[in-house]
Amino acid sequence: MNIRNIRRFLILLFALALLPTGSLAQGKGQGKGKGKGHSDQGDDDRSGKPPVFADHDRDLIVKYYQGGSSGLPPGLAKRGGHLPPGLERQLERNGTLPPGLQKKLQPFPPELERQLPPCPPSYQRGIIGAHIVVFNRSTRLIVDVVKNVVVTR
């Protein structure tokens, strides 16, 4: 009878040891995905807000392009920096960069980049036609646009 009580006690103890681990494991699971891209803080930006051009940034950009050459490729320079109408309509805030615009993306001037606040690692500034954009590198989501700034003379 003494051995029977010990067995019951051990079984009860083992059952109690398993109960809390099952209930604690139900917190934030990864679900059916592989655990990628599900951070609580959004993209790699720790503040939770994507970078946008402030009024001061827009003023710096306009002053920069009023002072000299545009640096546009020859095909766009002939058009005054304007994109074809179909691509022009696709360039808007909170839209995505379609493949046609990805091909026309020009690098942002380094001397102007140094004057602006740095972008988070997952974002990039660029020039598309006569417009300046900030977009997410991985999702190609356009976060902000400054339109009709880059012009040729």
C-alpha atoms as a PDB file:
ATOM      1  CA  MET A   1       0.000   0.000   0.000  1.00  0.00           C
ATOM      2  CA  ASN A   2       2.859   2.303   0.643  1.00  0.00           C
ATOM      3  CA  ILE A   3       4.287   1.698  -2.867  1.00  0.00           C
ATOM      4  CA  ARG A   4       0.880   2.394  -4.407  1.00  0.00           C
ATOM      5  CA  ASN A   5       0.709   5.829  -2.734  1.00  0.00           C
ATOM      6  CA  ILE A   6       4.218   6.654  -3.900  1.00  0.00           C
ATOM      7  CA  ARG A   7       3.277   5.714  -7.479  1.00  0.00           C
ATOM      8  CA  ARG A   8       0.170   7.898  -7.382  1.00  0.00           C
ATOM      9  CA  PHE A   9       2.184  10.754  -5.961  1.00  0.00           C
ATOM     10  CA  LEU A  10       4.817  10.451  -8.726  1.00  0.00           C
ATOM     11  CA  ILE A  11       2.159  10.286 -11.459  1.00  0.00           C
ATOM     12  CA  LEU A  12       0.397  13.332 -10.020  1.00  0.00           C
ATOM     13  CA  LEU A  13       3.699  15.203  -9.732  1.00  0.00           C
ATOM     14  CA  PHE A  14       4.587  14.343 -13.344  1.00  0.00           C
ATOM     15  CA  ALA A  15       1.152  15.473 -14.580  1.00  0.00           C
ATOM     16  CA  LEU A  16       1.440  18.778 -12.698  1.00  0.00           C
ATOM     17  CA  ALA A  17       4.901  19.364 -14.137  1.00  0.00           C
ATOM     18  CA  LEU A  18       3.526  19.110 -17.688  1.00  0.00           C
ATOM     19  CA  LEU A  19       0.572  21.463 -17.222  1.00  0.00           C
ATOM     20  CA  PRO A  20       2.311  24.858 -16.887  1.00  0.00           C
ATOM     21  CA  THR A  21       4.626  24.328 -19.870  1.00  0.00           C
ATOM     22  CA  GLY A  22       1.683  23.804 -22.221  1.00  0.00           C
ATOM     23  CA  SER A  23      -0.079  26.965 -21.090  1.00  0.00           C
ATOM     24  CA  LEU A  24       3.102  29.069 -21.154  1.00  0.00           C
ATOM     25  CA  ALA A  25       3.964  27.987 -24.690  1.00  0.00           C
ATOM     26  CA  GLN A  26       0.769  29.531 -26.090  1.00  0.00           C
ATOM     27  CA  GLY A  27       2.099  33.106 -26.049  1.00  0.00           C
ATOM     28  CA  LYS A  28       3.352  34.576 -29.316  1.00  0.00           C
ATOM     29  CA  GLY A  29       3.847  31.697 -31.676  1.00  0.00           C
ATOM     30  CA  GLN A  30       5.138  31.969 -35.211  1.00  0.00           C
ATOM     31  CA  GLY A  31       2.014  30.439 -36.694  1.00  0.00           C
ATOM     32  CA  LYS A  32       2.271  28.672 -40.022  1.00  0.00           C
ATOM     33  CA  GLY A  33       5.047  30.911 -41.341  1.00  0.00           C
ATOM     34  CA  LYS A  34       8.740  30.407 -40.886  1.00  0.00           C
ATOM     35  CA  GLY A  35       9.058  33.240 -38.365  1.00  0.00           C
ATOM     36  CA  LYS A  36      10.368  35.751 -40.890  1.00  0.00           C
ATOM     37  CA  GLY A  37       9.014  39.265 -41.221  1.00  0.00           C
ATOM     38  CA  HIS A  38       6.783  39.166 -38.167  1.00  0.00           C
ATOM     39  CA  SER A  39       8.566  41.590 -35.866  1.00  0.00           C
ATOM     40  CA  ASP A  40       6.532  43.642 -33.420  1.00  0.00           C
ATOM     41  CA  GLN A  41       8.236  46.880 -34.423  1.00  0.00           C
ATOM     42  CA  GLY A  42       7.575  46.920 -38.153  1.00  0.00           C
ATOM     43  CA  ASP A  43      10.395  47.085 -40.655  1.00  0.00           C
ATOM     44  CA  ASP A  44      13.940  47.673 -39.522  1.00  0.00           C
ATOM     45  CA  ASP A  45      12.917  51.130 -38.356  1.00  0.00           C
ATOM     46  CA  ARG A  46      12.918  51.083 -34.554  1.00  0.00           C
ATOM     47  CA  SER A  47      10.706  54.156 -34.150  1.00  0.00           C
ATOM     48  CA  GLY A  48       7.750  52.528 -35.884  1.00  0.00           C
ATOM     49  CA  LYS A  49       7.378  55.344 -38.445  1.00  0.00           C
ATOM     50  CA  PRO A  50       8.838  55.204 -41.959  1.00  0.00           C
ATOM     51  CA  PRO A  51      11.108  58.081 -43.017  1.00  0.00           C
ATOM     52  CA  VAL A  52       9.348  60.915 -44.809  1.00  0.00           C
ATOM     53  CA  PHE A  53      10.615  64.244 -46.113  1.00  0.00           C
ATOM     54  CA  ALA A  54      10.096  67.035 -43.586  1.00  0.00           C
ATOM     55  CA  ASP A  55       9.492  70.600 -44.799  1.00  0.00           C
ATOM     56  CA  HIS A  56      13.139  71.461 -44.097  1.00  0.00           C
ATOM     57  CA  ASP A  57      14.266  68.426 -46.150  1.00  0.00           C
ATOM     58  CA  ARG A  58      12.050  69.466 -49.056  1.00  0.00           C
ATOM     59  CA  ASP A  59      13.522  72.985 -48.964  1.00  0.00           C
ATOM     60  CA  LEU A  60      17.078  71.589 -49.057  1.00  0.00           C
ATOM     61  CA  ILE A  61      16.225  69.383 -52.034  1.00  0.00           C
ATOM     62  CA  VAL A  62      14.602  72.240 -53.996  1.00  0.00           C
ATOM     63  CA  LYS A  63      17.575  74.567 -53.297  1.00  0.00           C
ATOM     64  CA  TYR A  64      20.033  71.865 -54.346  1.00  0.00           C
ATOM     65  CA  TYR A  65      18.381  71.327 -57.723  1.00  0.00           C
ATOM     66  CA  GLN A  66      17.852  75.030 -58.418  1.00  0.00           C
ATOM     67  CA  GLY A  67      21.585  75.612 -58.230  1.00  0.00           C
ATOM     68  CA  GLY A  68      22.979  73.417 -60.991  1.00  0.00           C
ATOM     69  CA  SER A  69      22.631  70.573 -63.414  1.00  0.00           C
ATOM     70  CA  SER A  70      20.165  67.806 -62.861  1.00  0.00           C
ATOM     71  CA  GLY A  71      22.416  64.814 -63.436  1.00  0.00           C
ATOM     72  CA  LEU A  72      19.639  63.040 -65.352  1.00  0.00           C
ATOM     73  CA  PRO A  73      20.436  60.453 -67.995  1.00  0.00           C
ATOM     74  CA  PRO A  74      20.266  61.835 -71.563  1.00  0.00           C
ATOM     75  CA  GLY A  75      16.898  60.232 -72.423  1.00  0.00           C
ATOM     76  CA  LEU A  76      15.111  61.836 -69.476  1.00  0.00           C
ATOM     77  CA  ALA A  77      17.029  65.093 -69.824  1.00  0.00           C
ATOM     78  CA  LYS A  78      15.469  65.584 -73.282  1.00  0.00           C
ATOM     79  CA  ARG A  79      12.001  65.304 -71.746  1.00  0.00           C
ATOM     80  CA  GLY A  80      12.804  67.771 -68.981  1.00  0.00           C
ATOM     81  CA  GLY A  81      12.847  64.911 -66.470  1.00  0.00           C
ATOM     82  CA  HIS A  82       9.253  63.868 -67.102  1.00  0.00           C
ATOM     83  CA  LEU A  83       8.341  60.186 -67.197  1.00  0.00           C
ATOM     84  CA  PRO A  84       5.953  58.602 -69.684  1.00  0.00           C
ATOM     85  CA  PRO A  85       2.337  59.240 -68.569  1.00  0.00           C
ATOM     86  CA  GLY A  86       1.665  55.621 -67.547  1.00  0.00           C
ATOM     87  CA  LEU A  87       4.689  55.470 -65.262  1.00  0.00           C
ATOM     88  CA  GLU A  88       4.006  58.969 -63.943  1.00  0.00           C
ATOM     89  CA  ARG A  89       0.596  57.870 -62.617  1.00  0.00           C
ATOM     90  CA  GLN A  90       2.125  54.911 -60.772  1.00  0.00           C
ATOM     91  CA  LEU A  91       4.516  57.108 -58.800  1.00  0.00           C
ATOM     92  CA  GLU A  92       2.563  57.991 -55.670  1.00  0.00           C
ATOM     93  CA  ARG A  93       2.902  57.811 -51.923  1.00  0.00           C
ATOM     94  CA  ASN A  94       2.082  54.373 -50.406  1.00  0.00           C
ATOM     95  CA  GLY A  95       2.231  52.803 -53.862  1.00  0.00           C
ATOM     96  CA  THR A  96       4.791  50.228 -54.938  1.00  0.00           C
ATOM     97  CA  LEU A  97       7.627  50.680 -57.380  1.00  0.00           C
ATOM     98  CA  PRO A  98       6.622  48.787 -60.531  1.00  0.00           C
ATOM     99  CA  PRO A  99       9.374  47.169 -62.633  1.00  0.00           C
ATOM    100  CA  GLY A 100       9.211  49.991 -65.198  1.00  0.00           C
ATOM    101  CA  LEU A 101      10.081  52.566 -62.538  1.00  0.00           C
ATOM    102  CA  GLN A 102      12.717  50.351 -60.897  1.00  0.00           C
ATOM    103  CA  LYS A 103      14.674  50.493 -64.158  1.00  0.00           C
ATOM    104  CA  LYS A 104      14.534  54.301 -64.162  1.00  0.00           C
ATOM    105  CA  LEU A 105      15.696  54.684 -60.543  1.00  0.00           C
ATOM    106  CA  GLN A 106      18.786  56.888 -60.320  1.00  0.00           C
ATOM    107  CA  PRO A 107      21.018  57.109 -57.232  1.00  0.00           C
ATOM    108  CA  PHE A 108      20.470  59.984 -54.829  1.00  0.00           C
ATOM    109  CA  PRO A 109      23.331  62.554 -54.922  1.00  0.00           C
ATOM    110  CA  PRO A 110      25.770  61.813 -52.051  1.00  0.00           C
ATOM    111  CA  GLU A 111      26.349  65.504 -51.264  1.00  0.00           C
ATOM    112  CA  LEU A 112      22.585  65.992 -50.802  1.00  0.00           C
ATOM    113  CA  GLU A 113      22.254  62.708 -48.866  1.00  0.00           C
ATOM    114  CA  ARG A 114      24.774  64.005 -46.316  1.00  0.00           C
ATOM    115  CA  GLN A 115      22.641  67.106 -45.663  1.00  0.00           C
ATOM    116  CA  LEU A 116      19.489  65.085 -44.875  1.00  0.00           C
ATOM    117  CA  PRO A 117      18.783  62.899 -41.823  1.00  0.00           C
ATOM    118  CA  PRO A 118      19.893  59.295 -42.421  1.00  0.00           C
ATOM    119  CA  CYS A 119      17.362  56.726 -43.598  1.00  0.00           C
ATOM    120  CA  PRO A 120      16.887  53.495 -41.644  1.00  0.00           C
ATOM    121  CA  PRO A 121      18.763  50.535 -43.177  1.00  0.00           C
ATOM    122  CA  SER A 122      15.707  49.120 -44.951  1.00  0.00           C
ATOM    123  CA  TYR A 123      14.903  52.401 -46.778  1.00  0.00           C
ATOM    124  CA  GLN A 124      16.559  54.186 -49.682  1.00  0.00           C
ATOM    125  CA  ARG A 125      16.251  57.548 -51.410  1.00  0.00           C
ATOM    126  CA  GLY A 126      16.361  57.784 -55.182  1.00  0.00           C
ATOM    127  CA  ILE A 127      15.477  59.846 -58.232  1.00  0.00           C
ATOM    128  CA  ILE A 128      12.854  58.721 -60.719  1.00  0.00           C
ATOM    129  CA  GLY A 129      12.391  61.161 -63.576  1.00  0.00           C
ATOM    130  CA  ALA A 130      11.862  64.603 -62.069  1.00  0.00           C
ATOM    131  CA  HIS A 131      10.820  63.189 -58.672  1.00  0.00           C
ATOM    132  CA  ILE A 132      12.633  62.279 -55.456  1.00  0.00           C
ATOM    133  CA  VAL A 133      11.341  59.167 -53.641  1.00  0.00           C
ATOM    134  CA  VAL A 134      11.929  57.283 -50.405  1.00  0.00           C
ATOM    135  CA  PHE A 135      11.086  53.604 -50.652  1.00  0.00           C
ATOM    136  CA  ASN A 136      11.459  50.353 -48.728  1.00  0.00           C
ATOM    137  CA  ARG A 137      14.163  48.242 -50.365  1.00  0.00           C
ATOM    138  CA  SER A 138      12.572  44.871 -49.650  1.00  0.00           C
ATOM    139  CA  THR A 139       8.881  45.607 -50.320  1.00  0.00           C
ATOM    140  CA  ARG A 140       9.441  48.420 -52.891  1.00  0.00           C
ATOM    141  CA  LEU A 141       6.747  50.447 -51.073  1.00  0.00           C
ATOM    142  CA  ILE A 142       7.042  54.163 -51.849  1.00  0.00           C
ATOM    143  CA  VAL A 143       6.954  55.999 -48.524  1.00  0.00           C
ATOM    144  CA  ASP A 144       7.243  59.599 -49.706  1.00  0.00           C
ATOM    145  CA  VAL A 145       7.572  61.547 -52.965  1.00  0.00           C
ATOM    146  CA  VAL A 146       8.766  65.076 -53.730  1.00  0.00           C
ATOM    147  CA  LYS A 147       7.367  65.722 -57.193  1.00  0.00           C
ATOM    148  CA  ASN A 148       8.778  67.822 -60.049  1.00  0.00           C
ATOM    149  CA  VAL A 149      12.006  68.878 -58.380  1.00  0.00           C
ATOM    150  CA  VAL A 150      14.680  67.646 -60.763  1.00  0.00           C
ATOM    151  CA  VAL A 151      14.515  69.799 -63.888  1.00  0.00           C
ATOM    152  CA  THR A 152      16.933  70.417 -66.710  1.00  0.00           C
ATOM    153  CA  ARG A 153      17.893  73.770 -68.130  1.00  0.00           C
END
